[in-house]
mmCIF file of all heavy atoms, coordinates in Angstrom:
data_MODEL
# 
_entry.id   MODEL 
# 
loop_
_atom_site.group_PDB 
_atom_site.id 
_atom_site.type_symbol 
_atom_site.label_atom_id 
_atom_site.label_alt_id 
_atom_site.label_comp_id 
_atom_site.label_asym_id 
_atom_site.label_entity_id 
_atom_site.label_seq_id 
_atom_site.pdbx_PDB_ins_code 
_atom_site.Cartn_x 
_atom_site.Cartn_y 
_atom_site.Cartn_z 
_atom_site.occupancy 
_atom_site.B_iso_or_equiv 
_atom_site.pdbx_formal_charge 
_atom_site.auth_seq_id 
_atom_site.auth_comp_id 
_atom_site.auth_asym_id 
_atom_site.auth_atom_id 
_atom_site.pdbx_PDB_model_num 
ATOM 1   N N   . ALA A 1 1  ? -7.519 -16.401 -5.037  1.00 0.00 ? 1  ALA A N   1 
ATOM 2   C CA  . ALA A 1 1  ? -7.743 -17.803 -5.322  1.00 0.00 ? 1  ALA A CA  1 
ATOM 3   C C   . ALA A 1 1  ? -6.514 -18.492 -5.875  1.00 0.00 ? 1  ALA A C   1 
ATOM 4   O O   . ALA A 1 1  ? -6.392 -19.693 -5.806  1.00 0.00 ? 1  ALA A O   1 
ATOM 5   C CB  . ALA A 1 1  ? -8.898 -17.967 -6.312  1.00 0.00 ? 1  ALA A CB  1 
ATOM 6   N N   . ASP A 1 2  ? -5.550 -17.734 -6.405  1.00 0.00 ? 2  ASP A N   1 
ATOM 7   C CA  . ASP A 1 2  ? -4.357 -18.359 -6.965  1.00 0.00 ? 2  ASP A CA  1 
ATOM 8   C C   . ASP A 1 2  ? -3.166 -17.388 -6.917  1.00 0.00 ? 2  ASP A C   1 
ATOM 9   O O   . ASP A 1 2  ? -3.347 -16.174 -6.900  1.00 0.00 ? 2  ASP A O   1 
ATOM 10  C CB  . ASP A 1 2  ? -4.603 -18.796 -8.418  1.00 0.00 ? 2  ASP A CB  1 
ATOM 11  C CG  . ASP A 1 2  ? -5.146 -17.677 -9.290  1.00 0.00 ? 2  ASP A CG  1 
ATOM 12  O OD1 . ASP A 1 2  ? -4.913 -16.484 -8.942  1.00 0.00 ? 2  ASP A OD1 1 
ATOM 13  O OD2 . ASP A 1 2  ? -5.794 -17.962 -10.282 1.00 0.00 ? 2  ASP A OD2 1 
ATOM 14  N N   . GLY A 1 3  ? -1.978 -17.972 -6.927  1.00 0.00 ? 3  GLY A N   1 
ATOM 15  C CA  . GLY A 1 3  ? -0.751 -17.195 -7.020  1.00 0.00 ? 3  GLY A CA  1 
ATOM 16  C C   . GLY A 1 3  ? -0.467 -16.316 -5.817  1.00 0.00 ? 3  GLY A C   1 
ATOM 17  O O   . GLY A 1 3  ? -0.938 -16.533 -4.712  1.00 0.00 ? 3  GLY A O   1 
ATOM 18  N N   . LEU A 1 4  ? 0.351  -15.262 -6.071  1.00 0.00 ? 4  LEU A N   1 
ATOM 19  C CA  . LEU A 1 4  ? 0.771  -14.310 -5.041  1.00 0.00 ? 4  LEU A CA  1 
ATOM 20  C C   . LEU A 1 4  ? 0.169  -12.957 -5.348  1.00 0.00 ? 4  LEU A C   1 
ATOM 21  O O   . LEU A 1 4  ? -0.098 -12.612 -6.503  1.00 0.00 ? 4  LEU A O   1 
ATOM 22  C CB  . LEU A 1 4  ? 2.294  -14.214 -5.004  1.00 0.00 ? 4  LEU A CB  1 
ATOM 23  C CG  . LEU A 1 4  ? 3.053  -15.527 -4.766  1.00 0.00 ? 4  LEU A CG  1 
ATOM 24  C CD1 . LEU A 1 4  ? 4.541  -15.296 -4.866  1.00 0.00 ? 4  LEU A CD1 1 
ATOM 25  C CD2 . LEU A 1 4  ? 2.692  -16.127 -3.418  1.00 0.00 ? 4  LEU A CD2 1 
ATOM 26  N N   . GLN A 1 5  ? -0.008 -12.161 -4.325  1.00 0.00 ? 5  GLN A N   1 
ATOM 27  C CA  . GLN A 1 5  ? -0.616 -10.849 -4.508  1.00 0.00 ? 5  GLN A CA  1 
ATOM 28  C C   . GLN A 1 5  ? -0.055 -9.863  -3.498  1.00 0.00 ? 5  GLN A C   1 
ATOM 29  O O   . GLN A 1 5  ? 0.067  -10.172 -2.314  1.00 0.00 ? 5  GLN A O   1 
ATOM 30  C CB  . GLN A 1 5  ? -2.139 -10.936 -4.351  1.00 0.00 ? 5  GLN A CB  1 
ATOM 31  C CG  . GLN A 1 5  ? -2.839 -9.598  -4.509  1.00 0.00 ? 5  GLN A CG  1 
ATOM 32  C CD  . GLN A 1 5  ? -4.336 -9.722  -4.372  1.00 0.00 ? 5  GLN A CD  1 
ATOM 33  O OE1 . GLN A 1 5  ? -4.867 -10.835 -4.247  1.00 0.00 ? 5  GLN A OE1 1 
ATOM 34  N NE2 . GLN A 1 5  ? -5.029 -8.599  -4.404  1.00 0.00 ? 5  GLN A NE2 1 
ATOM 35  N N   . VAL A 1 6  ? 0.289  -8.667  -3.984  1.00 0.00 ? 6  VAL A N   1 
ATOM 36  C CA  . VAL A 1 6  ? 0.693  -7.567  -3.101  1.00 0.00 ? 6  VAL A CA  1 
ATOM 37  C C   . VAL A 1 6  ? -0.564 -6.958  -2.508  1.00 0.00 ? 6  VAL A C   1 
ATOM 38  O O   . VAL A 1 6  ? -1.535 -6.680  -3.217  1.00 0.00 ? 6  VAL A O   1 
ATOM 39  C CB  . VAL A 1 6  ? 1.491  -6.506  -3.878  1.00 0.00 ? 6  VAL A CB  1 
ATOM 40  C CG1 . VAL A 1 6  ? 1.861  -5.346  -2.958  1.00 0.00 ? 6  VAL A CG1 1 
ATOM 41  C CG2 . VAL A 1 6  ? 2.732  -7.119  -4.492  1.00 0.00 ? 6  VAL A CG2 1 
ATOM 42  N N   . VAL A 1 7  ? -0.571 -6.765  -1.202  1.00 0.00 ? 7  VAL A N   1 
ATOM 43  C CA  . VAL A 1 7  ? -1.719 -6.172  -0.529  1.00 0.00 ? 7  VAL A CA  1 
ATOM 44  C C   . VAL A 1 7  ? -1.660 -4.656  -0.694  1.00 0.00 ? 7  VAL A C   1 
ATOM 45  O O   . VAL A 1 7  ? -0.766 -4.011  -0.138  1.00 0.00 ? 7  VAL A O   1 
ATOM 46  C CB  . VAL A 1 7  ? -1.760 -6.560  0.954   1.00 0.00 ? 7  VAL A CB  1 
ATOM 47  C CG1 . VAL A 1 7  ? -2.954 -5.886  1.639   1.00 0.00 ? 7  VAL A CG1 1 
ATOM 48  C CG2 . VAL A 1 7  ? -1.820 -8.069  1.114   1.00 0.00 ? 7  VAL A CG2 1 
ATOM 49  N N   . PRO A 1 8  ? -2.595 -4.053  -1.441  1.00 0.00 ? 8  PRO A N   1 
ATOM 50  C CA  . PRO A 1 8  ? -2.630 -2.593  -1.539  1.00 0.00 ? 8  PRO A CA  1 
ATOM 51  C C   . PRO A 1 8  ? -3.427 -2.009  -0.368  1.00 0.00 ? 8  PRO A C   1 
ATOM 52  O O   . PRO A 1 8  ? -4.199 -2.705  0.285   1.00 0.00 ? 8  PRO A O   1 
ATOM 53  C CB  . PRO A 1 8  ? -3.325 -2.361  -2.868  1.00 0.00 ? 8  PRO A CB  1 
ATOM 54  C CG  . PRO A 1 8  ? -4.223 -3.537  -3.030  1.00 0.00 ? 8  PRO A CG  1 
ATOM 55  C CD  . PRO A 1 8  ? -3.572 -4.697  -2.334  1.00 0.00 ? 8  PRO A CD  1 
ATOM 56  N N   . PHE A 1 9  ? -3.242 -0.707  -0.127  1.00 0.00 ? 9  PHE A N   1 
ATOM 57  C CA  . PHE A 1 9  ? -3.927 -0.030  0.969   1.00 0.00 ? 9  PHE A CA  1 
ATOM 58  C C   . PHE A 1 9  ? -4.661 1.184   0.415   1.00 0.00 ? 9  PHE A C   1 
ATOM 59  O O   . PHE A 1 9  ? -4.267 1.764   -0.603  1.00 0.00 ? 9  PHE A O   1 
ATOM 60  C CB  . PHE A 1 9  ? -2.930 0.372   2.049   1.00 0.00 ? 9  PHE A CB  1 
ATOM 61  C CG  . PHE A 1 9  ? -2.261 -0.816  2.720   1.00 0.00 ? 9  PHE A CG  1 
ATOM 62  C CD1 . PHE A 1 9  ? -1.097 -1.363  2.206   1.00 0.00 ? 9  PHE A CD1 1 
ATOM 63  C CD2 . PHE A 1 9  ? -2.833 -1.383  3.846   1.00 0.00 ? 9  PHE A CD2 1 
ATOM 64  C CE1 . PHE A 1 9  ? -0.498 -2.458  2.809   1.00 0.00 ? 9  PHE A CE1 1 
ATOM 65  C CE2 . PHE A 1 9  ? -2.230 -2.474  4.459   1.00 0.00 ? 9  PHE A CE2 1 
ATOM 66  C CZ  . PHE A 1 9  ? -1.062 -3.015  3.948   1.00 0.00 ? 9  PHE A CZ  1 
ATOM 67  N N   . ASP A 1 10 ? -5.722 1.573   1.114   1.00 0.00 ? 10 ASP A N   1 
ATOM 68  C CA  . ASP A 1 10 ? -6.552 2.679   0.633   1.00 0.00 ? 10 ASP A CA  1 
ATOM 69  C C   . ASP A 1 10 ? -6.699 3.811   1.641   1.00 0.00 ? 10 ASP A C   1 
ATOM 70  O O   . ASP A 1 10 ? -7.365 4.801   1.370   1.00 0.00 ? 10 ASP A O   1 
ATOM 71  C CB  . ASP A 1 10 ? -7.939 2.162   0.232   1.00 0.00 ? 10 ASP A CB  1 
ATOM 72  C CG  . ASP A 1 10 ? -8.605 1.370   1.349   1.00 0.00 ? 10 ASP A CG  1 
ATOM 73  O OD1 . ASP A 1 10 ? -8.253 1.588   2.537   1.00 0.00 ? 10 ASP A OD1 1 
ATOM 74  O OD2 . ASP A 1 10 ? -9.455 0.514   1.048   1.00 0.00 ? 10 ASP A OD2 1 
ATOM 75  N N   . THR A 1 11 ? -6.112 3.668   2.827   1.00 0.00 ? 11 THR A N   1 
ATOM 76  C CA  . THR A 1 11 ? -6.262 4.678   3.878   1.00 0.00 ? 11 THR A CA  1 
ATOM 77  C C   . THR A 1 11 ? -4.877 5.065   4.392   1.00 0.00 ? 11 THR A C   1 
ATOM 78  O O   . THR A 1 11 ? -4.089 4.196   4.795   1.00 0.00 ? 11 THR A O   1 
ATOM 79  C CB  . THR A 1 11 ? -7.117 4.151   5.033   1.00 0.00 ? 11 THR A CB  1 
ATOM 80  O OG1 . THR A 1 11 ? -8.391 3.745   4.533   1.00 0.00 ? 11 THR A OG1 1 
ATOM 81  C CG2 . THR A 1 11 ? -7.294 5.220   6.099   1.00 0.00 ? 11 THR A CG2 1 
ATOM 82  N N   . GLU A 1 12 ? -4.620 6.355   4.383   1.00 0.00 ? 12 GLU A N   1 
ATOM 83  C CA  . GLU A 1 12 ? -3.327 6.870   4.883   1.00 0.00 ? 12 GLU A CA  1 
ATOM 84  C C   . GLU A 1 12 ? -3.534 7.524   6.233   1.00 0.00 ? 12 GLU A C   1 
ATOM 85  O O   . GLU A 1 12 ? -4.293 8.499   6.350   1.00 0.00 ? 12 GLU A O   1 
ATOM 86  C CB  . GLU A 1 12 ? -2.747 7.866   3.880   1.00 0.00 ? 12 GLU A CB  1 
ATOM 87  C CG  . GLU A 1 12 ? -1.399 8.441   4.288   1.00 0.00 ? 12 GLU A CG  1 
ATOM 88  C CD  . GLU A 1 12 ? -0.879 9.451   3.277   1.00 0.00 ? 12 GLU A CD  1 
ATOM 89  O OE1 . GLU A 1 12 ? -0.470 9.040   2.180   1.00 0.00 ? 12 GLU A OE1 1 
ATOM 90  O OE2 . GLU A 1 12 ? -0.911 10.673  3.580   1.00 0.00 ? 12 GLU A OE2 1 
ATOM 91  N N   . LEU A 1 13 ? -2.868 7.019   7.256   1.00 0.00 ? 13 LEU A N   1 
ATOM 92  C CA  . LEU A 1 13 ? -2.938 7.593   8.599   1.00 0.00 ? 13 LEU A CA  1 
ATOM 93  C C   . LEU A 1 13 ? -1.730 8.481   8.873   1.00 0.00 ? 13 LEU A C   1 
ATOM 94  O O   . LEU A 1 13 ? -1.867 9.633   9.305   1.00 0.00 ? 13 LEU A O   1 
ATOM 95  C CB  . LEU A 1 13 ? -3.018 6.474   9.642   1.00 0.00 ? 13 LEU A CB  1 
ATOM 96  C CG  . LEU A 1 13 ? -4.211 5.517   9.481   1.00 0.00 ? 13 LEU A CG  1 
ATOM 97  C CD1 . LEU A 1 13 ? -4.126 4.388   10.490  1.00 0.00 ? 13 LEU A CD1 1 
ATOM 98  C CD2 . LEU A 1 13 ? -5.522 6.271   9.613   1.00 0.00 ? 13 LEU A CD2 1 
ATOM 99  N N   . VAL A 1 14 ? -0.529 7.963   8.672   1.00 0.00 ? 14 VAL A N   1 
ATOM 100 C CA  . VAL A 1 14 ? 0.716  8.719   8.793   1.00 0.00 ? 14 VAL A CA  1 
ATOM 101 C C   . VAL A 1 14 ? 1.612  8.313   7.631   1.00 0.00 ? 14 VAL A C   1 
ATOM 102 O O   . VAL A 1 14 ? 1.787  7.119   7.367   1.00 0.00 ? 14 VAL A O   1 
ATOM 103 C CB  . VAL A 1 14 ? 1.439  8.431   10.136  1.00 0.00 ? 14 VAL A CB  1 
ATOM 104 C CG1 . VAL A 1 14 ? 2.796  9.135   10.178  1.00 0.00 ? 14 VAL A CG1 1 
ATOM 105 C CG2 . VAL A 1 14 ? 0.582  8.869   11.316  1.00 0.00 ? 14 VAL A CG2 1 
ATOM 106 N N   . ASN A 1 15 ? 2.177  9.326   6.962   1.00 0.00 ? 15 ASN A N   1 
ATOM 107 C CA  . ASN A 1 15 ? 3.066  9.032   5.829   1.00 0.00 ? 15 ASN A CA  1 
ATOM 108 C C   . ASN A 1 15 ? 4.085  10.174  5.705   1.00 0.00 ? 15 ASN A C   1 
ATOM 109 O O   . ASN A 1 15 ? 3.932  11.083  4.879   1.00 0.00 ? 15 ASN A O   1 
ATOM 110 C CB  . ASN A 1 15 ? 2.256  8.874   4.543   1.00 0.00 ? 15 ASN A CB  1 
ATOM 111 C CG  . ASN A 1 15 ? 3.099  8.317   3.404   1.00 0.00 ? 15 ASN A CG  1 
ATOM 112 O OD1 . ASN A 1 15 ? 4.228  7.888   3.610   1.00 0.00 ? 15 ASN A OD1 1 
ATOM 113 N ND2 . ASN A 1 15 ? 2.534  8.332   2.196   1.00 0.00 ? 15 ASN A ND2 1 
ATOM 114 N N   . LEU A 1 16 ? 5.133  10.129  6.556   1.00 0.00 ? 16 LEU A N   1 
ATOM 115 C CA  . LEU A 1 16 ? 6.136  11.194  6.549   1.00 0.00 ? 16 LEU A CA  1 
ATOM 116 C C   . LEU A 1 16 ? 6.903  11.196  5.229   1.00 0.00 ? 16 LEU A C   1 
ATOM 117 O O   . LEU A 1 16 ? 7.380  10.149  4.777   1.00 0.00 ? 16 LEU A O   1 
ATOM 118 C CB  . LEU A 1 16 ? 7.120  11.008  7.717   1.00 0.00 ? 16 LEU A CB  1 
ATOM 119 C CG  . LEU A 1 16 ? 6.527  11.094  9.133   1.00 0.00 ? 16 LEU A CG  1 
ATOM 120 C CD1 . LEU A 1 16 ? 7.643  10.961  10.172  1.00 0.00 ? 16 LEU A CD1 1 
ATOM 121 C CD2 . LEU A 1 16 ? 5.757  12.382  9.335   1.00 0.00 ? 16 LEU A CD2 1 
ATOM 122 N N   . ASP A 1 17 ? 6.998  12.368  4.649   1.00 0.00 ? 17 ASP A N   1 
ATOM 123 C CA  . ASP A 1 17 ? 7.738  12.582  3.406   1.00 0.00 ? 17 ASP A CA  1 
ATOM 124 C C   . ASP A 1 17 ? 7.184  11.756  2.245   1.00 0.00 ? 17 ASP A C   1 
ATOM 125 O O   . ASP A 1 17 ? 7.862  11.577  1.222   1.00 0.00 ? 17 ASP A O   1 
ATOM 126 C CB  . ASP A 1 17 ? 9.231  12.266  3.579   1.00 0.00 ? 17 ASP A CB  1 
ATOM 127 C CG  . ASP A 1 17 ? 9.878  13.140  4.640   1.00 0.00 ? 17 ASP A CG  1 
ATOM 128 O OD1 . ASP A 1 17 ? 9.467  14.311  4.769   1.00 0.00 ? 17 ASP A OD1 1 
ATOM 129 O OD2 . ASP A 1 17 ? 10.780 12.651  5.343   1.00 0.00 ? 17 ASP A OD2 1 
ATOM 130 N N   . GLY A 1 18 ? 5.940  11.238  2.396   1.00 0.00 ? 18 GLY A N   1 
ATOM 131 C CA  . GLY A 1 18 ? 5.316  10.483  1.303   1.00 0.00 ? 18 GLY A CA  1 
ATOM 132 C C   . GLY A 1 18 ? 6.088  9.244   0.917   1.00 0.00 ? 18 GLY A C   1 
ATOM 133 O O   . GLY A 1 18 ? 6.094  8.838   -0.250  1.00 0.00 ? 18 GLY A O   1 
ATOM 134 N N   . ALA A 1 19 ? 6.762  8.605   1.891   1.00 0.00 ? 19 ALA A N   1 
ATOM 135 C CA  . ALA A 1 19 ? 7.608  7.449   1.581   1.00 0.00 ? 19 ALA A CA  1 
ATOM 136 C C   . ALA A 1 19 ? 6.802  6.184   1.301   1.00 0.00 ? 19 ALA A C   1 
ATOM 137 O O   . ALA A 1 19 ? 7.344  5.223   0.739   1.00 0.00 ? 19 ALA A O   1 
ATOM 138 C CB  . ALA A 1 19 ? 8.581  7.184   2.737   1.00 0.00 ? 19 ALA A CB  1 
ATOM 139 N N   . PHE A 1 20 ? 5.500  6.159   1.651   1.00 0.00 ? 20 PHE A N   1 
ATOM 140 C CA  . PHE A 1 20 ? 4.677  4.964   1.409   1.00 0.00 ? 20 PHE A CA  1 
ATOM 141 C C   . PHE A 1 20 ? 3.761  5.215   0.213   1.00 0.00 ? 20 PHE A C   1 
ATOM 142 O O   . PHE A 1 20 ? 3.022  6.196   0.161   1.00 0.00 ? 20 PHE A O   1 
ATOM 143 C CB  . PHE A 1 20 ? 3.841  4.620   2.638   1.00 0.00 ? 20 PHE A CB  1 
ATOM 144 C CG  . PHE A 1 20 ? 3.287  3.227   2.613   1.00 0.00 ? 20 PHE A CG  1 
ATOM 145 C CD1 . PHE A 1 20 ? 3.927  2.201   3.260   1.00 0.00 ? 20 PHE A CD1 1 
ATOM 146 C CD2 . PHE A 1 20 ? 2.116  2.931   1.905   1.00 0.00 ? 20 PHE A CD2 1 
ATOM 147 C CE1 . PHE A 1 20 ? 3.435  0.911   3.236   1.00 0.00 ? 20 PHE A CE1 1 
ATOM 148 C CE2 . PHE A 1 20 ? 1.618  1.652   1.859   1.00 0.00 ? 20 PHE A CE2 1 
ATOM 149 C CZ  . PHE A 1 20 ? 2.283  0.636   2.535   1.00 0.00 ? 20 PHE A CZ  1 
ATOM 150 N N   . ASP A 1 21 ? 3.822  4.304   -0.742  1.00 0.00 ? 21 ASP A N   1 
ATOM 151 C CA  . ASP A 1 21 ? 2.977  4.365   -1.943  1.00 0.00 ? 21 ASP A CA  1 
ATOM 152 C C   . ASP A 1 21 ? 1.747  3.492   -1.696  1.00 0.00 ? 21 ASP A C   1 
ATOM 153 O O   . ASP A 1 21 ? 1.853  2.253   -1.650  1.00 0.00 ? 21 ASP A O   1 
ATOM 154 C CB  . ASP A 1 21 ? 3.766  3.870   -3.147  1.00 0.00 ? 21 ASP A CB  1 
ATOM 155 C CG  . ASP A 1 21 ? 3.024  4.077   -4.462  1.00 0.00 ? 21 ASP A CG  1 
ATOM 156 O OD1 . ASP A 1 21 ? 1.793  4.311   -4.420  1.00 0.00 ? 21 ASP A OD1 1 
ATOM 157 O OD2 . ASP A 1 21 ? 3.671  3.986   -5.526  1.00 0.00 ? 21 ASP A OD2 1 
ATOM 158 N N   . LEU A 1 22 ? 0.572  4.117   -1.506  1.00 0.00 ? 22 LEU A N   1 
ATOM 159 C CA  . LEU A 1 22 ? -0.638 3.364   -1.182  1.00 0.00 ? 22 LEU A CA  1 
ATOM 160 C C   . LEU A 1 22 ? -1.024 2.392   -2.296  1.00 0.00 ? 22 LEU A C   1 
ATOM 161 O O   . LEU A 1 22 ? -1.359 1.226   -2.044  1.00 0.00 ? 22 LEU A O   1 
ATOM 162 C CB  . LEU A 1 22 ? -1.800 4.323   -0.918  1.00 0.00 ? 22 LEU A CB  1 
ATOM 163 C CG  . LEU A 1 22 ? -1.741 5.133   0.381   1.00 0.00 ? 22 LEU A CG  1 
ATOM 164 C CD1 . LEU A 1 22 ? -2.925 6.090   0.445   1.00 0.00 ? 22 LEU A CD1 1 
ATOM 165 C CD2 . LEU A 1 22 ? -1.750 4.217   1.579   1.00 0.00 ? 22 LEU A CD2 1 
ATOM 166 N N   . ALA A 1 23 ? -0.999 2.862   -3.533  1.00 0.00 ? 23 ALA A N   1 
ATOM 167 C CA  . ALA A 1 23 ? -1.439 2.006   -4.642  1.00 0.00 ? 23 ALA A CA  1 
ATOM 168 C C   . ALA A 1 23 ? -0.516 0.808   -4.825  1.00 0.00 ? 23 ALA A C   1 
ATOM 169 O O   . ALA A 1 23 ? -0.969 -0.318  -5.071  1.00 0.00 ? 23 ALA A O   1 
ATOM 170 C CB  . ALA A 1 23 ? -1.516 2.830   -5.926  1.00 0.00 ? 23 ALA A CB  1 
ATOM 171 N N   . ALA A 1 24 ? 0.780  1.029   -4.715  1.00 0.00 ? 24 ALA A N   1 
ATOM 172 C CA  . ALA A 1 24 ? 1.733  -0.070  -4.865  1.00 0.00 ? 24 ALA A CA  1 
ATOM 173 C C   . ALA A 1 24 ? 1.869  -0.883  -3.583  1.00 0.00 ? 24 ALA A C   1 
ATOM 174 O O   . ALA A 1 24 ? 2.387  -2.009  -3.607  1.00 0.00 ? 24 ALA A O   1 
ATOM 175 C CB  . ALA A 1 24 ? 3.095  0.470   -5.282  1.00 0.00 ? 24 ALA A CB  1 
ATOM 176 N N   . GLY A 1 25 ? 1.396  -0.328  -2.450  1.00 0.00 ? 25 GLY A N   1 
ATOM 177 C CA  . GLY A 1 25 ? 1.467  -1.032  -1.175  1.00 0.00 ? 25 GLY A CA  1 
ATOM 178 C C   . GLY A 1 25 ? 2.884  -1.184  -0.635  1.00 0.00 ? 25 GLY A C   1 
ATOM 179 O O   . GLY A 1 25 ? 3.167  -2.145  0.098   1.00 0.00 ? 25 GLY A O   1 
# 
């Protein structure tokens, strides 16, 4: 409803070497 927001993700399909942080998006 206001401001800016980082979109977080909850499903990991491919993540080589764990380079993607789901919680931080």
